[in-house]
Amino acid sequence: MRKLLLYVCILALVLDVQAVLAQGRVITGTVRDQYGPLSGATVTEAGTKNSVPTNNKGEFRIVLKGAAGKLVISYVNYVKQEVAIKRGSDNIDVKLEQNTSSMDEVTVTGFGQAKPRTTMTGAVSSINAKEIEDIPTSSVQNALAGRLPGFVAVQRSGQPGHDASDFFIRGVNSLNSSGSTPLILVDDIEYDYDQLSQINVNEIESITILKDASSTAIYGIKGANGVLLVTTKRGVAGR
């Protein structure tokens, strides 16, 4: 019994010595993907908050503070990888693989398609083609009147071909008439009132308006009076 207790004490002492030796050990290495070094990848010692980023050459240098003997390498849109630190090897080379399923973390804003988000800040209203294609008018502006909250339409003439309404988003924000004009984007191309009125309502897939100051973060000062986003219909496979 005494011999067994002695062996257990010796083993515990050896493990404690290994843990102490592991602390303060300097590990260097390189993080890369199939195209080359990854700058800004995070290298973390497992079980601790000890972490360092990789430099512009994908290189890192970390001083161990724990006894786990493992490093966790992570990077946005890449599969997180855990690497065991072998005895006698203080330099490691890690290759990360892209994680295509994590692309939903990225939101494309501004002039480009945006993925659906579960959380969204800002005031937004939208309407689809089915809600406006049966309205007896050839003008997009007139078709939207009274159908989107915050959308104010003012029809200044009843002359055929010139009866399209001027519109404002959340009211008139400037005494200068041109200074209150919202930004109009049709398939990411900037339009004015006259050009918008020439679009056939039946060719529109959806219309969205951005109504608050958060639009300026995407579109700049032109988005200060709101933004009207028009998406036209596209061909689809099949009959």
C-alpha atoms as a PDB file:
ATOM      1  CA  MET A   1       0.000   0.000   0.000  1.00  0.00           C
ATOM      2  CA  ARG A   2       2.847   2.327   0.841  1.00  0.00           C
ATOM      3  CA  LYS A   3       4.571   1.540  -2.464  1.00  0.00           C
ATOM      4  CA  LEU A   4       1.376   2.340  -4.372  1.00  0.00           C
ATOM      5  CA  LEU A   5       1.019   5.638  -2.523  1.00  0.00           C
ATOM      6  CA  LEU A   6       4.661   6.427  -3.295  1.00  0.00           C
ATOM      7  CA  TYR A   7       4.158   5.738  -7.009  1.00  0.00           C
ATOM      8  CA  VAL A   8       1.073   7.998  -7.078  1.00  0.00           C
ATOM      9  CA  CYS A   9       3.003  10.815  -5.409  1.00  0.00           C
ATOM     10  CA  ILE A  10       5.894  10.447  -7.876  1.00  0.00           C
ATOM     11  CA  LEU A  11       3.488  10.477 -10.842  1.00  0.00           C
ATOM     12  CA  ALA A  12       1.744  13.590  -9.535  1.00  0.00           C
ATOM     13  CA  LEU A  13       5.099  15.279  -9.040  1.00  0.00           C
ATOM     14  CA  VAL A  14       6.157  14.427 -12.603  1.00  0.00           C
ATOM     15  CA  LEU A  15       2.891  15.823 -14.019  1.00  0.00           C
ATOM     16  CA  ASP A  16       3.308  19.003 -11.991  1.00  0.00           C
ATOM     17  CA  VAL A  17       6.843  19.420 -13.291  1.00  0.00           C
ATOM     18  CA  GLN A  18       5.625  18.951 -16.894  1.00  0.00           C
ATOM     19  CA  ALA A  19       2.904  21.535 -16.351  1.00  0.00           C
ATOM     20  CA  VAL A  20       5.420  24.023 -14.959  1.00  0.00           C
ATOM     21  CA  LEU A  21       7.785  23.389 -17.861  1.00  0.00           C
ATOM     22  CA  ALA A  22       4.921  23.894 -20.338  1.00  0.00           C
ATOM     23  CA  GLN A  23       4.193  27.325 -18.888  1.00  0.00           C
ATOM     24  CA  GLY A  24       6.386  29.979 -20.423  1.00  0.00           C
ATOM     25  CA  ARG A  25       7.081  27.891 -23.499  1.00  0.00           C
ATOM     26  CA  VAL A  26       7.175  29.957 -26.688  1.00  0.00           C
ATOM     27  CA  ILE A  27       5.306  28.571 -29.683  1.00  0.00           C
ATOM     28  CA  THR A  28       5.645  30.065 -33.139  1.00  0.00           C
ATOM     29  CA  GLY A  29       4.036  29.132 -36.396  1.00  0.00           C
ATOM     30  CA  THR A  30       2.140  30.098 -39.523  1.00  0.00           C
ATOM     31  CA  VAL A  31      -1.577  30.059 -40.339  1.00  0.00           C
ATOM     32  CA  ARG A  32      -2.593  29.775 -43.977  1.00  0.00           C
ATOM     33  CA  ASP A  33      -5.312  28.581 -46.320  1.00  0.00           C
ATOM     34  CA  GLN A  34      -5.225  27.167 -49.833  1.00  0.00           C
ATOM     35  CA  TYR A  35      -4.289  30.578 -51.239  1.00  0.00           C
ATOM     36  CA  GLY A  36      -1.549  31.580 -48.809  1.00  0.00           C
ATOM     37  CA  PRO A  37      -0.953  33.168 -45.377  1.00  0.00           C
ATOM     38  CA  LEU A  38      -3.941  34.441 -43.356  1.00  0.00           C
ATOM     39  CA  SER A  39      -3.506  37.805 -41.691  1.00  0.00           C
ATOM     40  CA  GLY A  40      -5.610  38.485 -38.594  1.00  0.00           C
ATOM     41  CA  ALA A  41      -6.347  34.883 -37.641  1.00  0.00           C
ATOM     42  CA  THR A  42      -6.721  34.337 -33.880  1.00  0.00           C
ATOM     43  CA  VAL A  43      -4.478  31.828 -32.098  1.00  0.00           C
ATOM     44  CA  THR A  44      -5.728  30.978 -28.602  1.00  0.00           C
ATOM     45  CA  GLU A  45      -4.268  28.688 -25.965  1.00  0.00           C
ATOM     46  CA  ALA A  46      -6.959  26.120 -25.124  1.00  0.00           C
ATOM     47  CA  GLY A  47      -8.635  26.654 -21.765  1.00  0.00           C
ATOM     48  CA  THR A  48      -7.300  30.185 -21.342  1.00  0.00           C
ATOM     49  CA  LYS A  49      -7.886  33.711 -22.606  1.00  0.00           C
ATOM     50  CA  ASN A  50      -4.312  33.853 -23.856  1.00  0.00           C
ATOM     51  CA  SER A  51      -4.518  34.689 -27.571  1.00  0.00           C
ATOM     52  CA  VAL A  52      -2.566  36.471 -30.286  1.00  0.00           C
ATOM     53  CA  PRO A  53      -3.352  37.487 -33.894  1.00  0.00           C
ATOM     54  CA  THR A  54      -1.306  36.520 -36.926  1.00  0.00           C
ATOM     55  CA  ASN A  55       0.645  39.243 -38.747  1.00  0.00           C
ATOM     56  CA  ASN A  56       0.440  40.138 -42.436  1.00  0.00           C
ATOM     57  CA  LYS A  57       2.579  37.093 -43.236  1.00  0.00           C
ATOM     58  CA  GLY A  58       0.292  34.740 -41.293  1.00  0.00           C
ATOM     59  CA  GLU A  59       2.928  34.278 -38.567  1.00  0.00           C
ATOM     60  CA  PHE A  60       2.294  34.229 -34.811  1.00  0.00           C
ATOM     61  CA  ARG A  61       4.212  33.938 -31.547  1.00  0.00           C
ATOM     62  CA  ILE A  62       2.496  32.920 -28.322  1.00  0.00           C
ATOM     63  CA  VAL A  63       3.842  32.305 -24.814  1.00  0.00           C
ATOM     64  CA  LEU A  64       1.983  29.457 -23.087  1.00  0.00           C
ATOM     65  CA  LYS A  65       0.416  30.175 -19.714  1.00  0.00           C
ATOM     66  CA  GLY A  66      -1.498  26.941 -19.083  1.00  0.00           C
ATOM     67  CA  ALA A  67      -0.883  23.220 -19.242  1.00  0.00           C
ATOM     68  CA  ALA A  68      -3.473  22.159 -21.835  1.00  0.00           C
ATOM     69  CA  GLY A  69      -0.871  21.773 -24.570  1.00  0.00           C
ATOM     70  CA  LYS A  70      -3.309  22.771 -27.318  1.00  0.00           C
ATOM     71  CA  LEU A  71      -3.890  25.789 -29.538  1.00  0.00           C
ATOM     72  CA  VAL A  72      -7.195  26.809 -31.086  1.00  0.00           C
ATOM     73  CA  ILE A  73      -6.950  28.663 -34.414  1.00  0.00           C
ATOM     74  CA  SER A  74      -9.997  30.555 -35.681  1.00  0.00           C
ATOM     75  CA  TYR A  75     -10.810  32.941 -38.520  1.00  0.00           C
ATOM     76  CA  VAL A  76     -14.063  34.346 -39.921  1.00  0.00           C
ATOM     77  CA  ASN A  77     -15.674  31.939 -42.427  1.00  0.00           C
ATOM     78  CA  TYR A  78     -13.089  29.242 -41.714  1.00  0.00           C
ATOM     79  CA  VAL A  79     -13.449  26.021 -39.760  1.00  0.00           C
ATOM     80  CA  LYS A  80     -12.001  26.391 -36.268  1.00  0.00           C
ATOM     81  CA  GLN A  81      -9.069  24.055 -35.764  1.00  0.00           C
ATOM     82  CA  GLU A  82      -7.519  22.641 -32.591  1.00  0.00           C
ATOM     83  CA  VAL A  83      -3.848  21.696 -32.745  1.00  0.00           C
ATOM     84  CA  ALA A  84      -1.963  19.674 -30.135  1.00  0.00           C
ATOM     85  CA  ILE A  85       1.505  20.951 -29.259  1.00  0.00           C
ATOM     86  CA  LYS A  86       3.996  18.101 -29.490  1.00  0.00           C
ATOM     87  CA  ARG A  87       6.980  17.791 -27.209  1.00  0.00           C
ATOM     88  CA  GLY A  88      10.173  19.027 -28.768  1.00  0.00           C
ATOM     89  CA  SER A  89       8.324  20.949 -31.494  1.00  0.00           C
ATOM     90  CA  ASP A  90       7.959  24.693 -30.934  1.00  0.00           C
ATOM     91  CA  ASN A  91       6.960  25.601 -34.478  1.00  0.00           C
ATOM     92  CA  ILE A  92       3.701  24.578 -36.111  1.00  0.00           C
ATOM     93  CA  ASP A  93       2.098  25.136 -39.503  1.00  0.00           C
ATOM     94  CA  VAL A  94      -1.696  25.261 -39.643  1.00  0.00           C
ATOM     95  CA  LYS A  95      -3.883  25.145 -42.761  1.00  0.00           C
ATOM     96  CA  LEU A  96      -7.497  26.288 -42.313  1.00  0.00           C
ATOM     97  CA  GLU A  97     -10.385  25.164 -44.492  1.00  0.00           C
ATOM     98  CA  GLN A  98     -13.138  27.530 -45.612  1.00  0.00           C
ATOM     99  CA  ASN A  99     -16.541  27.029 -44.028  1.00  0.00           C
ATOM    100  CA  THR A 100     -19.092  27.809 -46.741  1.00  0.00           C
ATOM    101  CA  SER A 101     -22.037  27.323 -44.367  1.00  0.00           C
ATOM    102  CA  SER A 102     -20.892  30.307 -42.265  1.00  0.00           C
ATOM    103  CA  MET A 103     -21.253  32.821 -45.105  1.00  0.00           C
ATOM    104  CA  ASP A 104     -24.553  33.911 -43.547  1.00  0.00           C
ATOM    105  CA  GLU A 105     -22.429  35.836 -41.027  1.00  0.00           C
ATOM    106  CA  VAL A 106     -21.632  38.302 -43.810  1.00  0.00           C
ATOM    107  CA  THR A 107     -24.156  40.962 -44.787  1.00  0.00           C
ATOM    108  CA  VAL A 108     -23.739  42.656 -48.150  1.00  0.00           C
ATOM    109  CA  THR A 109     -25.005  46.221 -47.937  1.00  0.00           C
ATOM    110  CA  GLY A 110     -25.206  49.215 -50.224  1.00  0.00           C
ATOM    111  CA  PHE A 111     -24.993  48.532 -53.930  1.00  0.00           C
ATOM    112  CA  GLY A 112     -25.459  44.763 -53.894  1.00  0.00           C
ATOM    113  CA  GLN A 113     -27.794  41.994 -52.808  1.00  0.00           C
ATOM    114  CA  ALA A 114     -28.345  41.572 -49.083  1.00  0.00           C
ATOM    115  CA  LYS A 115     -28.944  38.258 -47.369  1.00  0.00           C
ATOM    116  CA  PRO A 116     -31.980  37.959 -45.056  1.00  0.00           C
ATOM    117  CA  ARG A 117     -31.116  38.919 -41.483  1.00  0.00           C
ATOM    118  CA  THR A 118     -32.853  37.887 -38.287  1.00  0.00           C
ATOM    119  CA  THR A 119     -31.913  41.198 -36.667  1.00  0.00           C
ATOM    120  CA  MET A 120     -32.128  44.529 -38.424  1.00  0.00           C
ATOM    121  CA  THR A 121     -31.832  48.100 -37.235  1.00  0.00           C
ATOM    122  CA  GLY A 122     -33.511  50.965 -39.037  1.00  0.00           C
ATOM    123  CA  ALA A 123     -36.976  51.744 -40.344  1.00  0.00           C
ATOM    124  CA  VAL A 124     -37.798  49.739 -43.474  1.00  0.00           C
ATOM    125  CA  SER A 125     -41.022  49.141 -45.392  1.00  0.00           C
ATOM    126  CA  SER A 126     -41.510  47.023 -48.496  1.00  0.00           C
ATOM    127  CA  ILE A 127     -44.167  45.958 -50.959  1.00  0.00           C
ATOM    128  CA  ASN A 128     -44.171  43.179 -53.563  1.00  0.00           C
ATOM    129  CA  ALA A 129     -45.372  43.034 -57.149  1.00  0.00           C
ATOM    130  CA  LYS A 130     -48.709  41.360 -56.411  1.00  0.00           C
ATOM    131  CA  GLU A 131     -49.807  44.314 -54.293  1.00  0.00           C
ATOM    132  CA  ILE A 132     -49.334  46.942 -57.011  1.00  0.00           C
ATOM    133  CA  GLU A 133     -49.649  45.218 -60.386  1.00  0.00           C
ATOM    134  CA  ASP A 134     -53.471  45.401 -60.363  1.00  0.00           C
ATOM    135  CA  ILE A 135     -53.592  49.140 -59.610  1.00  0.00           C
ATOM    136  CA  PRO A 136     -54.972  51.052 -62.637  1.00  0.00           C
ATOM    137  CA  THR A 137     -52.079  53.462 -63.086  1.00  0.00           C
ATOM    138  CA  SER A 138     -48.965  53.528 -65.235  1.00  0.00           C
ATOM    139  CA  SER A 139     -46.907  55.464 -62.704  1.00  0.00           C
ATOM    140  CA  VAL A 140     -44.911  53.738 -59.974  1.00  0.00           C
ATOM    141  CA  GLN A 141     -45.156  56.776 -57.701  1.00  0.00           C
ATOM    142  CA  ASN A 142     -48.956  56.877 -57.960  1.00  0.00           C
ATOM    143  CA  ALA A 143     -49.201  53.130 -57.387  1.00  0.00           C
ATOM    144  CA  LEU A 144     -47.347  53.443 -54.082  1.00  0.00           C
ATOM    145  CA  ALA A 145     -49.443  56.281 -52.684  1.00  0.00           C
ATOM    146  CA  GLY A 146     -51.047  55.218 -49.403  1.00  0.00           C
ATOM    147  CA  ARG A 147     -49.479  51.745 -49.454  1.00  0.00           C
ATOM    148  CA  LEU A 148     -46.181  52.296 -47.652  1.00  0.00           C
ATOM    149  CA  PRO A 149     -45.997  53.970 -44.229  1.00  0.00           C
ATOM    150  CA  GLY A 150     -43.820  57.061 -44.373  1.00  0.00           C
ATOM    151  CA  PHE A 151     -44.246  57.433 -48.136  1.00  0.00           C
ATOM    152  CA  VAL A 152     -45.845  60.807 -49.002  1.00  0.00           C
ATOM    153  CA  ALA A 153     -46.914  61.341 -52.628  1.00  0.00           C
ATOM    154  CA  VAL A 154     -47.851  64.741 -54.089  1.00  0.00           C
ATOM    155  CA  GLN A 155     -49.464  64.746 -57.556  1.00  0.00           C
ATOM    156  CA  ARG A 156     -48.847  68.173 -59.078  1.00  0.00           C
ATOM    157  CA  SER A 157     -50.482  67.639 -62.486  1.00  0.00           C
ATOM    158  CA  GLY A 158     -53.148  65.544 -64.133  1.00  0.00           C
ATOM    159  CA  GLN A 159     -51.763  65.950 -67.637  1.00  0.00           C
ATOM    160  CA  PRO A 160     -51.402  62.563 -69.375  1.00  0.00           C
ATOM    161  CA  GLY A 161     -47.761  61.532 -69.406  1.00  0.00           C
ATOM    162  CA  HIS A 162     -46.882  64.106 -66.737  1.00  0.00           C
ATOM    163  CA  ASP A 163     -49.152  63.027 -63.904  1.00  0.00           C
ATOM    164  CA  ALA A 164     -46.532  61.104 -61.914  1.00  0.00           C
ATOM    165  CA  SER A 165     -46.374  62.181 -58.292  1.00  0.00           C
ATOM    166  CA  ASP A 166     -43.402  63.716 -56.574  1.00  0.00           C
ATOM    167  CA  PHE A 167     -42.811  61.846 -53.362  1.00  0.00           C
ATOM    168  CA  PHE A 168     -41.028  62.261 -50.065  1.00  0.00           C
ATOM    169  CA  ILE A 169     -40.075  59.800 -47.354  1.00  0.00           C
ATOM    170  CA  ARG A 170     -41.181  60.856 -43.871  1.00  0.00           C
ATOM    171  CA  GLY A 171     -42.119  64.340 -45.011  1.00  0.00           C
ATOM    172  CA  VAL A 172     -40.269  67.351 -46.372  1.00  0.00           C
ATOM    173  CA  ASN A 173     -36.922  67.766 -44.671  1.00  0.00           C
ATOM    174  CA  SER A 174     -35.681  70.892 -46.428  1.00  0.00           C
ATOM    175  CA  LEU A 175     -37.074  74.196 -47.742  1.00  0.00           C
ATOM    176  CA  ASN A 176     -35.132  73.485 -50.928  1.00  0.00           C
ATOM    177  CA  SER A 177     -37.358  71.228 -53.028  1.00  0.00           C
ATOM    178  CA  SER A 178     -34.416  69.372 -54.569  1.00  0.00           C
ATOM    179  CA  GLY A 179     -32.909  68.948 -51.101  1.00  0.00           C
ATOM    180  CA  SER A 180     -35.794  66.744 -49.992  1.00  0.00           C
ATOM    181  CA  THR A 181     -35.640  64.333 -52.905  1.00  0.00           C
ATOM    182  CA  PRO A 182     -35.080  60.727 -51.767  1.00  0.00           C
ATOM    183  CA  LEU A 183     -32.375  58.601 -53.354  1.00  0.00           C
ATOM    184  CA  ILE A 184     -33.949  56.324 -55.993  1.00  0.00           C
ATOM    185  CA  LEU A 185     -32.139  53.121 -56.973  1.00  0.00           C
ATOM    186  CA  VAL A 186     -33.519  50.764 -59.612  1.00  0.00           C
ATOM    187  CA  ASP A 187     -31.482  47.543 -59.718  1.00  0.00           C
ATOM    188  CA  ASP A 188     -28.647  49.483 -58.014  1.00  0.00           C
ATOM    189  CA  ILE A 189     -28.716  52.250 -60.659  1.00  0.00           C
ATOM    190  CA  GLU A 190     -29.610  55.781 -59.586  1.00  0.00           C
ATOM    191  CA  TYR A 191     -32.797  57.202 -61.132  1.00  0.00           C
ATOM    192  CA  ASP A 192     -34.663  60.506 -60.872  1.00  0.00           C
ATOM    193  CA  TYR A 193     -38.435  61.135 -60.664  1.00  0.00           C
ATOM    194  CA  ASP A 194     -38.957  61.241 -64.445  1.00  0.00           C
ATOM    195  CA  GLN A 195     -36.975  58.076 -65.119  1.00  0.00           C
ATOM    196  CA  LEU A 196     -38.823  56.223 -62.366  1.00  0.00           C
ATOM    197  CA  SER A 197     -42.207  57.221 -63.826  1.00  0.00           C
ATOM    198  CA  GLN A 198     -41.274  55.555 -67.133  1.00  0.00           C
ATOM    199  CA  ILE A 199     -40.912  52.107 -65.563  1.00  0.00           C
ATOM    200  CA  ASN A 200     -43.787  49.723 -66.218  1.00  0.00           C
ATOM    201  CA  VAL A 201     -45.375  48.734 -62.917  1.00  0.00           C
ATOM    202  CA  ASN A 202     -45.759  45.162 -64.197  1.00  0.00           C
ATOM    203  CA  GLU A 203     -41.988  44.848 -64.534  1.00  0.00           C
ATOM    204  CA  ILE A 204     -41.367  45.454 -60.820  1.00  0.00           C
ATOM    205  CA  GLU A 205     -40.622  42.555 -58.475  1.00  0.00           C
ATOM    206  CA  SER A 206     -40.467  44.473 -55.178  1.00  0.00           C
ATOM    207  CA  ILE A 207     -40.044  47.968 -53.749  1.00  0.00           C
ATOM    208  CA  THR A 208     -38.399  48.838 -50.421  1.00  0.00           C
ATOM    209  CA  ILE A 209     -37.999  52.188 -48.710  1.00  0.00           C
ATOM    210  CA  LEU A 210     -35.373  52.992 -46.084  1.00  0.00           C
ATOM    211  CA  LYS A 211     -36.757  55.720 -43.882  1.00  0.00           C
ATOM    212  CA  ASP A 212     -34.216  56.829 -41.311  1.00  0.00           C
ATOM    213  CA  ALA A 213     -30.707  58.228 -40.926  1.00  0.00           C
ATOM    214  CA  SER A 214     -29.090  54.785 -40.848  1.00  0.00           C
ATOM    215  CA  SER A 215     -29.346  54.891 -44.654  1.00  0.00           C
ATOM    216  CA  THR A 216     -26.497  57.409 -44.716  1.00  0.00           C
ATOM    217  CA  ALA A 217     -24.137  54.764 -43.353  1.00  0.00           C
ATOM    218  CA  ILE A 218     -24.648  52.818 -46.583  1.00  0.00           C
ATOM    219  CA  TYR A 219     -25.447  55.398 -49.254  1.00  0.00           C
ATOM    220  CA  GLY A 220     -23.792  58.514 -47.880  1.00  0.00           C
ATOM    221  CA  ILE A 221     -25.383  61.948 -47.721  1.00  0.00           C
ATOM    222  CA  LYS A 222     -27.701  61.142 -50.635  1.00  0.00           C
ATOM    223  CA  GLY A 223     -29.557  58.741 -48.347  1.00  0.00           C
ATOM    224  CA  ALA A 224     -30.359  61.458 -45.788  1.00  0.00           C
ATOM    225  CA  ASN A 225     -33.894  61.936 -47.181  1.00  0.00           C
ATOM    226  CA  GLY A 226     -34.600  58.225 -47.409  1.00  0.00           C
ATOM    227  CA  VAL A 227     -33.969  55.655 -50.117  1.00  0.00           C
ATOM    228  CA  LEU A 228     -36.358  53.980 -52.559  1.00  0.00           C
ATOM    229  CA  LEU A 229     -35.044  50.599 -53.726  1.00  0.00           C
ATOM    230  CA  VAL A 230     -36.737  49.063 -56.773  1.00  0.00           C
ATOM    231  CA  THR A 231     -36.001  45.527 -57.949  1.00  0.00           C
ATOM    232  CA  THR A 232     -37.283  44.530 -61.378  1.00  0.00           C
ATOM    233  CA  LYS A 233     -38.351  41.047 -62.394  1.00  0.00           C
ATOM    234  CA  ARG A 234     -35.842  38.510 -63.669  1.00  0.00           C
ATOM    235  CA  GLY A 235     -36.215  35.458 -65.821  1.00  0.00           C
ATOM    236  CA  VAL A 236     -36.463  32.095 -64.060  1.00  0.00           C
ATOM    237  CA  ALA A 237     -35.851  28.559 -65.219  1.00  0.00           C
ATOM    238  CA  GLY A 238     -38.846  26.736 -66.664  1.00  0.00           C
ATOM    239  CA  ARG A 239     -41.987  27.814 -68.504  1.00  0.00           C
END
